[in-house]
C-alpha atoms as a PDB file:
ATOM      1  CA  MET A   1       4.760-163.875  18.142  1.00  0.00           C
ATOM      2  CA  ILE A   2       5.718-167.426  17.831  1.00  0.00           C
ATOM      3  CA  TYR A   3       3.594-170.435  18.995  1.00  0.00           C
ATOM      4  CA  LYS A   4       4.985-173.986  19.621  1.00  0.00           C
ATOM      5  CA  GLN A   5       3.322-177.119  21.077  1.00  0.00           C
ATOM      6  CA  VAL A   6       5.572-178.725  23.395  1.00  0.00           C
ATOM      7  CA  LEU A   7       5.287-182.290  23.391  1.00  0.00           C
ATOM      8  CA  GLY A   8       1.533-182.235  22.708  1.00  0.00           C
ATOM      9  CA  LEU A   9       1.021-180.887  26.466  1.00  0.00           C
ATOM     10  CA  ARG A  10       2.658-177.969  27.141  1.00  0.00           C
ATOM     11  CA  LEU A  11       2.083-174.518  24.856  1.00  0.00           C
ATOM     12  CA  LYS A  12       5.428-172.437  24.438  1.00  0.00           C
ATOM     13  CA  PHE A  13       5.802-169.095  22.613  1.00  0.00           C
ATOM     14  CA  TRP A  14       8.029-166.322  21.972  1.00  0.00           C
ATOM     15  CA  GLY A  15       8.017-162.477  21.725  1.00  0.00           C
ATOM     16  CA  LYS A  16       9.206-159.246  22.384  1.00  0.00           C
ATOM     17  CA  VAL A  17       8.486-157.630  26.013  1.00  0.00           C
ATOM     18  CA  ARG A  18       6.677-154.406  25.418  1.00  0.00           C
ATOM     19  CA  SER A  19       5.835-151.598  28.004  1.00  0.00           C
ATOM     20  CA  ASN A  20       2.028-151.463  28.957  1.00  0.00           C
ATOM     21  CA  ASN A  21       0.657-149.434  31.371  1.00  0.00           C
ATOM     22  CA  LYS A  22       2.607-150.509  34.264  1.00  0.00           C
ATOM     23  CA  ARG A  23      -0.526-151.579  36.547  1.00  0.00           C
ATOM     24  CA  GLY A  24       1.384-154.729  37.386  1.00  0.00           C
ATOM     25  CA  ARG A  25       3.946-152.967  38.983  1.00  0.00           C
ATOM     26  CA  VAL A  26       1.816-150.441  41.018  1.00  0.00           C
ATOM     27  CA  LEU A  27       0.170-153.656  42.422  1.00  0.00           C
ATOM     28  CA  GLY A  28       3.321-155.117  43.313  1.00  0.00           C
ATOM     29  CA  PHE A  29       3.493-157.650  40.801  1.00  0.00           C
ATOM     30  CA  PRO A  30       5.628-156.071  37.917  1.00  0.00           C
ATOM     31  CA  THR A  31       5.237-158.067  34.542  1.00  0.00           C
ATOM     32  CA  ALA A  32       6.475-158.845  31.325  1.00  0.00           C
ATOM     33  CA  ASN A  33       3.825-158.184  28.621  1.00  0.00           C
ATOM     34  CA  LEU A  34       3.687-159.821  25.138  1.00  0.00           C
ATOM     35  CA  ASN A  35       0.931-158.979  22.713  1.00  0.00           C
ATOM     36  CA  LEU A  36      -0.569-162.058  21.903  1.00  0.00           C
ATOM     37  CA  SER A  37      -1.796-162.771  17.998  1.00  0.00           C
ATOM     38  CA  ARG A  38      -3.371-166.358  18.649  1.00  0.00           C
ATOM     39  CA  LYS A  39      -5.824-166.642  21.281  1.00  0.00           C
ATOM     40  CA  ILE A  40      -4.681-169.107  23.945  1.00  0.00           C
ATOM     41  CA  PRO A  41      -7.026-170.447  26.629  1.00  0.00           C
ATOM     42  CA  GLU A  42      -7.498-167.223  29.309  1.00  0.00           C
ATOM     43  CA  GLY A  43      -6.644-168.200  32.846  1.00  0.00           C
ATOM     44  CA  ILE A  44      -3.369-167.859  35.149  1.00  0.00           C
ATOM     45  CA  TYR A  45      -0.495-170.678  34.505  1.00  0.00           C
ATOM     46  CA  ILE A  46       2.287-171.566  36.331  1.00  0.00           C
ATOM     47  CA  SER A  47       4.980-171.020  34.005  1.00  0.00           C
ATOM     48  CA  LYS A  48       8.635-171.078  32.804  1.00  0.00           C
ATOM     49  CA  ILE A  49      10.396-168.044  31.126  1.00  0.00           C
ATOM     50  CA  LYS A  50      13.683-167.678  29.350  1.00  0.00           C
ATOM     51  CA  ILE A  51      15.595-164.456  29.241  1.00  0.00           C
ATOM     52  CA  ASP A  52      18.746-164.684  27.368  1.00  0.00           C
ATOM     53  CA  ASN A  53      19.386-168.262  27.838  1.00  0.00           C
ATOM     54  CA  ASN A  54      18.451-168.187  31.315  1.00  0.00           C
ATOM     55  CA  ASP A  55      15.449-170.187  32.810  1.00  0.00           C
ATOM     56  CA  TYR A  56      13.242-168.371  35.505  1.00  0.00           C
ATOM     57  CA  LYS A  57      10.014-169.277  37.384  1.00  0.00           C
ATOM     58  CA  SER A  58       6.858-167.427  36.794  1.00  0.00           C
ATOM     59  CA  LEU A  59       3.238-167.151  36.723  1.00  0.00           C
ATOM     60  CA  THR A  60       1.410-166.019  33.485  1.00  0.00           C
ATOM     61  CA  PHE A  61      -1.997-164.321  32.741  1.00  0.00           C
ATOM     62  CA  ILE A  62      -3.329-164.772  29.360  1.00  0.00           C
ATOM     63  CA  GLY A  63      -6.314-163.064  28.547  1.00  0.00           C
ATOM     64  CA  ALA A  64      -8.106-159.122  28.622  1.00  0.00           C
ATOM     65  CA  ALA A  65      -8.123-157.845  32.559  1.00  0.00           C
ATOM     66  CA  LYS A  66     -11.362-158.032  33.056  1.00  0.00           C
ATOM     67  CA  THR A  67     -11.231-156.219  36.608  1.00  0.00           C
ATOM     68  CA  PHE A  68     -10.226-153.389  34.087  1.00  0.00           C
ATOM     69  CA  ASN A  69     -12.470-153.387  31.542  1.00  0.00           C
ATOM     70  CA  GLU A  70      -9.979-154.541  29.201  1.00  0.00           C
ATOM     71  CA  LYS A  71     -10.413-155.584  25.458  1.00  0.00           C
ATOM     72  CA  LYS A  72      -6.725-156.347  24.610  1.00  0.00           C
ATOM     73  CA  TYR A  73      -5.675-160.001  24.578  1.00  0.00           C
ATOM     74  CA  LYS A  74      -2.363-160.064  26.175  1.00  0.00           C
ATOM     75  CA  ALA A  75       0.078-162.271  27.806  1.00  0.00           C
ATOM     76  CA  GLU A  76       1.411-160.928  31.319  1.00  0.00           C
ATOM     77  CA  THR A  77       4.227-162.571  33.191  1.00  0.00           C
ATOM     78  CA  TYR A  78       5.348-162.045  36.876  1.00  0.00           C
ATOM     79  CA  ILE A  79       8.906-163.570  37.024  1.00  0.00           C
ATOM     80  CA  LEU A  80       9.288-164.922  40.734  1.00  0.00           C
ATOM     81  CA  ASP A  81      12.738-163.517  42.419  1.00  0.00           C
ATOM     82  CA  PHE A  82      13.365-161.394  39.551  1.00  0.00           C
ATOM     83  CA  ASN A  83      14.008-157.634  39.380  1.00  0.00           C
ATOM     84  CA  GLN A  84      15.816-156.338  36.030  1.00  0.00           C
ATOM     85  CA  ASN A  85      14.507-154.233  32.983  1.00  0.00           C
ATOM     86  CA  ILE A  86      13.605-156.459  29.973  1.00  0.00           C
ATOM     87  CA  TYR A  87      11.970-154.293  27.597  1.00  0.00           C
ATOM     88  CA  ASP A  88      12.674-155.109  24.231  1.00  0.00           C
ATOM     89  CA  LYS A  89      14.186-158.374  24.921  1.00  0.00           C
ATOM     90  CA  TRP A  90      13.197-161.474  23.175  1.00  0.00           C
ATOM     91  CA  ILE A  91      11.731-163.727  25.836  1.00  0.00           C
ATOM     92  CA  SER A  92      10.015-167.492  25.637  1.00  0.00           C
ATOM     93  CA  ILE A  93       7.427-168.523  28.045  1.00  0.00           C
ATOM     94  CA  GLU A  94       6.318-172.299  28.454  1.00  0.00           C
ATOM     95  CA  LEU A  95       2.955-172.581  30.123  1.00  0.00           C
ATOM     96  CA  ILE A  96       2.821-175.438  32.669  1.00  0.00           C
ATOM     97  CA  LYS A  97      -0.144-175.746  34.512  1.00  0.00           C
ATOM     98  CA  LYS A  98      -3.290-173.856  34.772  1.00  0.00           C
ATOM     99  CA  ILE A  99      -4.147-172.737  38.137  1.00  0.00           C
ATOM    100  CA  ARG A 100      -7.409-170.582  37.725  1.00  0.00           C
ATOM    101  CA  GLU A 101      -9.804-169.127  35.068  1.00  0.00           C
ATOM    102  CA  ASN A 102      -9.660-165.559  34.411  1.00  0.00           C
ATOM    103  CA  LYS A 103     -12.163-163.463  36.398  1.00  0.00           C
ATOM    104  CA  LYS A 104     -13.275-159.897  37.114  1.00  0.00           C
ATOM    105  CA  PHE A 105     -12.646-158.748  41.036  1.00  0.00           C
ATOM    106  CA  ASP A 106     -14.711-156.263  42.346  1.00  0.00           C
ATOM    107  CA  SER A 107     -11.743-154.234  44.112  1.00  0.00           C
ATOM    108  CA  LEU A 108      -8.073-153.902  43.939  1.00  0.00           C
ATOM    109  CA  GLU A 109      -7.851-155.518  47.109  1.00  0.00           C
ATOM    110  CA  GLU A 110      -9.375-158.590  46.419  1.00  0.00           C
ATOM    111  CA  LEU A 111      -7.195-158.858  43.114  1.00  0.00           C
ATOM    112  CA  ILE A 112      -4.003-158.492  45.200  1.00  0.00           C
ATOM    113  CA  ILE A 113      -5.046-161.013  47.332  1.00  0.00           C
ATOM    114  CA  GLN A 114      -5.611-163.354  44.699  1.00  0.00           C
ATOM    115  CA  MET A 115      -2.539-162.653  43.086  1.00  0.00           C
ATOM    116  CA  LYS A 116      -0.752-163.412  46.289  1.00  0.00           C
ATOM    117  CA  LYS A 117      -2.772-166.842  46.418  1.00  0.00           C
ATOM    118  CA  ASP A 118      -1.226-167.593  42.805  1.00  0.00           C
ATOM    119  CA  GLU A 119       2.080-166.659  43.884  1.00  0.00           C
ATOM    120  CA  GLU A 120       1.986-169.016  46.848  1.00  0.00           C
ATOM    121  CA  ALA A 121       0.774-171.953  44.590  1.00  0.00           C
ATOM    122  CA  ALA A 122       3.561-171.476  41.765  1.00  0.00           C
ATOM    123  CA  ARG A 123       6.138-171.373  44.797  1.00  0.00           C
ATOM    124  CA  LYS A 124       4.281-174.555  46.288  1.00  0.00           C
ATOM    125  CA  TYR A 125       4.312-176.066  42.565  1.00  0.00           C
ATOM    126  CA  PHE A 126       7.965-175.226  42.091  1.00  0.00           C
ATOM    127  CA  ALA A 127       9.204-176.356  45.374  1.00  0.00           C
ATOM    128  CA  GLU A 128       7.574-179.538  45.080  1.00  0.00           C
ATOM    129  CA  ARG A 129       9.649-180.309  42.186  1.00  0.00           C
ATOM    130  CA  SER A 130      13.270-179.187  43.258  1.00  0.00           C
END
């Protein structure tokens, strides 16, 4: 994992996409997963991801999944309007704006509702900058 501060404002990191438990896919939000070796502040970020020199709009979760009582610190990126297999590809992720903290939800339904709100916030952010 390689990290770089971009212009002192945004954090950018690179890594190889790893298969995880595929929980995001089951919840309707498939993610590209990277193991993190250095702690980045936990939370949900509007982000951009680069795959094969192509940029995509995305949302990135940084931290341990509290709802599932996980301890593993990772990055999970949901790519908007994307449906390709990218396992074992090298990607870069640029964190643009933190939209909320990591939190534990009481149910999967509450988590999915919040994930939809997060997606809506990201789409609004990108639409305002198009």
